[in-house]
C-alpha cells in the first residue's frame, strides 16, 4: 500500500490554470448557446482578446 504525503496548506491553487479553465467554460457556454459555429470574432470576444491586447499595449 502506498501512502500519499498530504500537501502543506490543504489546497494548491494555480491561478493561471484556474483562469484558463474559466475561459474554457465561457467558450463552451457560448458555443452551446450559438445556433451556428462561432466566428473568430465571437471567439475573440468570449476569450476577451481585445482586453488582453489593450492591457499588454499599456505596459
N, C-alpha and C. Protein backbone atom coordinates (compact mmCIF):
# COMPACT_ATOMS: atom_id res chain seq x y z
N UNK A 1 0.84 -1.18 0.00
CA UNK A 1 0.00 0.00 0.00
C UNK A 1 0.89 1.25 0.00
N UNK A 2 0.58 2.17 -0.91
CA UNK A 2 1.35 3.41 -0.98
C UNK A 2 0.67 4.49 -0.17
N UNK A 3 1.46 5.31 0.43
CA UNK A 3 0.91 6.43 1.19
C UNK A 3 1.22 7.72 0.45
N UNK A 4 0.26 8.60 0.44
CA UNK A 4 0.43 9.89 -0.21
C UNK A 4 0.69 10.93 0.86
N UNK A 5 1.72 11.70 0.66
CA UNK A 5 2.05 12.75 1.61
C UNK A 5 1.07 13.90 1.41
N UNK A 6 0.38 14.34 2.47
CA UNK A 6 -0.56 15.46 2.31
C UNK A 6 0.16 16.76 1.99
N UNK A 7 -0.49 17.60 1.24
CA UNK A 7 0.07 18.91 0.92
C UNK A 7 0.03 19.81 2.14
N UNK A 8 0.94 20.76 2.17
CA UNK A 8 1.01 21.64 3.33
C UNK A 8 -0.17 22.54 3.43
N UNK A 9 -0.80 23.15 2.89
CA UNK A 9 -1.92 24.04 3.20
C UNK A 9 -3.25 23.40 2.89
N UNK A 10 -3.26 22.17 2.50
CA UNK A 10 -4.52 21.52 2.19
C UNK A 10 -4.89 21.66 0.72
N UNK A 11 -4.72 22.84 0.16
CA UNK A 11 -5.07 23.04 -1.25
C UNK A 11 -3.95 23.82 -1.95
N UNK A 12 -3.86 23.57 -3.22
CA UNK A 12 -2.90 24.30 -4.05
C UNK A 12 -3.70 24.98 -5.15
N UNK A 13 -3.46 26.24 -5.38
CA UNK A 13 -4.20 26.94 -6.43
C UNK A 13 -3.22 27.48 -7.46
N UNK A 14 -3.46 27.10 -8.68
CA UNK A 14 -2.69 27.62 -9.81
C UNK A 14 -3.59 28.64 -10.49
N UNK A 15 -3.33 29.91 -10.26
CA UNK A 15 -4.23 30.96 -10.74
C UNK A 15 -4.30 31.02 -12.26
N UNK A 16 -3.21 30.71 -12.93
CA UNK A 16 -3.22 30.69 -14.39
C UNK A 16 -4.12 29.57 -14.89
N UNK A 17 -3.98 28.39 -14.29
CA UNK A 17 -4.82 27.26 -14.70
C UNK A 17 -6.29 27.55 -14.42
N UNK A 18 -6.59 28.15 -13.29
CA UNK A 18 -7.98 28.48 -12.97
C UNK A 18 -8.55 29.49 -13.96
N UNK A 19 -7.76 30.46 -14.38
CA UNK A 19 -8.22 31.44 -15.37
C UNK A 19 -8.47 30.76 -16.71
N UNK A 20 -7.60 29.83 -17.09
CA UNK A 20 -7.79 29.11 -18.35
C UNK A 20 -9.04 28.25 -18.31
N UNK A 21 -9.29 27.62 -17.18
CA UNK A 21 -10.50 26.81 -17.03
C UNK A 21 -11.74 27.68 -17.13
N UNK A 22 -11.71 28.86 -16.53
CA UNK A 22 -12.85 29.77 -16.60
C UNK A 22 -13.11 30.21 -18.04
N UNK A 23 -12.05 30.56 -18.77
CA UNK A 23 -12.21 30.96 -20.17
C UNK A 23 -12.74 29.81 -21.02
N UNK A 24 -12.26 28.61 -20.76
CA UNK A 24 -12.73 27.43 -21.49
C UNK A 24 -14.22 27.22 -21.22
N UNK A 25 -14.63 27.37 -19.99
CA UNK A 25 -16.04 27.25 -19.64
C UNK A 25 -16.89 28.30 -20.35
N UNK A 26 -16.38 29.53 -20.38
CA UNK A 26 -17.10 30.61 -21.08
C UNK A 26 -17.25 30.28 -22.57
N UNK A 27 -16.21 29.72 -23.15
CA UNK A 27 -16.24 29.36 -24.57
C UNK A 27 -17.23 28.22 -24.82
N UNK A 28 -17.26 27.25 -23.94
CA UNK A 28 -18.21 26.13 -24.07
C UNK A 28 -19.64 26.63 -23.97
N UNK A 29 -19.90 27.53 -23.04
CA UNK A 29 -21.25 28.08 -22.88
C UNK A 29 -21.66 28.86 -24.13
N UNK A 30 -20.75 29.68 -24.64
CA UNK A 30 -21.06 30.46 -25.85
C UNK A 30 -21.32 29.54 -27.04
N UNK A 31 -20.51 28.49 -27.17
CA UNK A 31 -20.68 27.56 -28.29
C UNK A 31 -22.00 26.80 -28.19
N UNK A 32 -22.38 26.43 -26.99
CA UNK A 32 -23.63 25.68 -26.83
C UNK A 32 -24.85 26.56 -27.03
N UNK A 33 -24.71 27.86 -26.80
CA UNK A 33 -25.84 28.78 -26.97
C UNK A 33 -25.99 29.25 -28.42
N UNK A 34 -24.94 29.10 -29.21
CA UNK A 34 -24.96 29.58 -30.59
C UNK A 34 -25.71 28.60 -31.50
N UNK A 35 -26.39 29.16 -32.48
CA UNK A 35 -27.10 28.32 -33.44
C UNK A 35 -26.14 27.72 -34.46
N UNK A 36 -25.12 28.47 -34.84
CA UNK A 36 -24.12 28.02 -35.81
C UNK A 36 -22.75 28.03 -35.13
N UNK A 37 -21.74 27.73 -35.93
CA UNK A 37 -20.38 27.80 -35.42
C UNK A 37 -20.06 29.23 -34.99
N UNK A 38 -19.24 29.35 -33.98
CA UNK A 38 -18.81 30.68 -33.56
C UNK A 38 -17.80 31.23 -34.56
N UNK A 39 -17.95 32.49 -34.89
CA UNK A 39 -16.97 33.14 -35.77
C UNK A 39 -15.70 33.41 -34.96
N UNK A 40 -14.62 33.67 -35.67
CA UNK A 40 -13.38 34.00 -34.98
C UNK A 40 -13.54 35.25 -34.12
N UNK A 41 -14.33 36.20 -34.61
CA UNK A 41 -14.58 37.42 -33.84
C UNK A 41 -15.34 37.11 -32.55
N UNK A 42 -16.32 36.20 -32.65
CA UNK A 42 -17.08 35.81 -31.46
C UNK A 42 -16.19 35.11 -30.44
N UNK A 43 -15.33 34.24 -30.93
CA UNK A 43 -14.40 33.53 -30.04
C UNK A 43 -13.48 34.52 -29.35
N UNK A 44 -12.94 35.48 -30.12
CA UNK A 44 -12.08 36.50 -29.53
C UNK A 44 -12.82 37.30 -28.47
N UNK A 45 -14.09 37.59 -28.72
CA UNK A 45 -14.89 38.34 -27.75
C UNK A 45 -15.07 37.54 -26.47
N UNK A 46 -15.41 36.27 -26.60
CA UNK A 46 -15.60 35.41 -25.42
C UNK A 46 -14.30 35.29 -24.63
N UNK A 47 -13.19 35.15 -25.34
CA UNK A 47 -11.90 34.98 -24.67
C UNK A 47 -11.26 36.31 -24.26
N UNK A 48 -11.95 37.41 -24.53
CA UNK A 48 -11.52 38.75 -24.14
C UNK A 48 -10.15 39.11 -24.72
N UNK A 49 -9.96 38.77 -25.99
CA UNK A 49 -8.68 39.02 -26.66
C UNK A 49 -8.40 40.52 -26.75
N UNK A 50 -9.40 41.31 -27.08
CA UNK A 50 -9.19 42.76 -27.21
C UNK A 50 -8.74 43.36 -25.88
N UNK A 51 -9.33 42.90 -24.77
CA UNK A 51 -8.93 43.41 -23.45
C UNK A 51 -7.48 43.06 -23.15
N UNK A 52 -7.10 41.83 -23.47
CA UNK A 52 -5.72 41.40 -23.21
C UNK A 52 -4.73 42.19 -24.05
N UNK A 53 -5.10 42.46 -25.30
CA UNK A 53 -4.21 43.24 -26.17
C UNK A 53 -4.08 44.67 -25.66
N UNK A 54 -5.19 45.24 -25.20
CA UNK A 54 -5.16 46.61 -24.68
C UNK A 54 -4.28 46.70 -23.43
N UNK A 55 -4.38 45.70 -22.56
CA UNK A 55 -3.56 45.69 -21.35
C UNK A 55 -2.08 45.55 -21.69
N UNK A 56 -1.76 44.69 -22.64
CA UNK A 56 -0.35 44.47 -22.98
C UNK A 56 0.25 45.68 -23.70
N UNK A 57 -0.57 46.45 -24.41
CA UNK A 57 -0.05 47.64 -25.10
C UNK A 57 0.21 48.77 -24.11
N UNK A 58 -0.47 48.76 -22.98
CA UNK A 58 -0.25 49.78 -21.95
C UNK A 58 1.07 49.59 -21.23
N UNK A 59 1.55 48.37 -21.21
CA UNK A 59 2.77 48.06 -20.44
C UNK A 59 4.02 48.44 -21.16
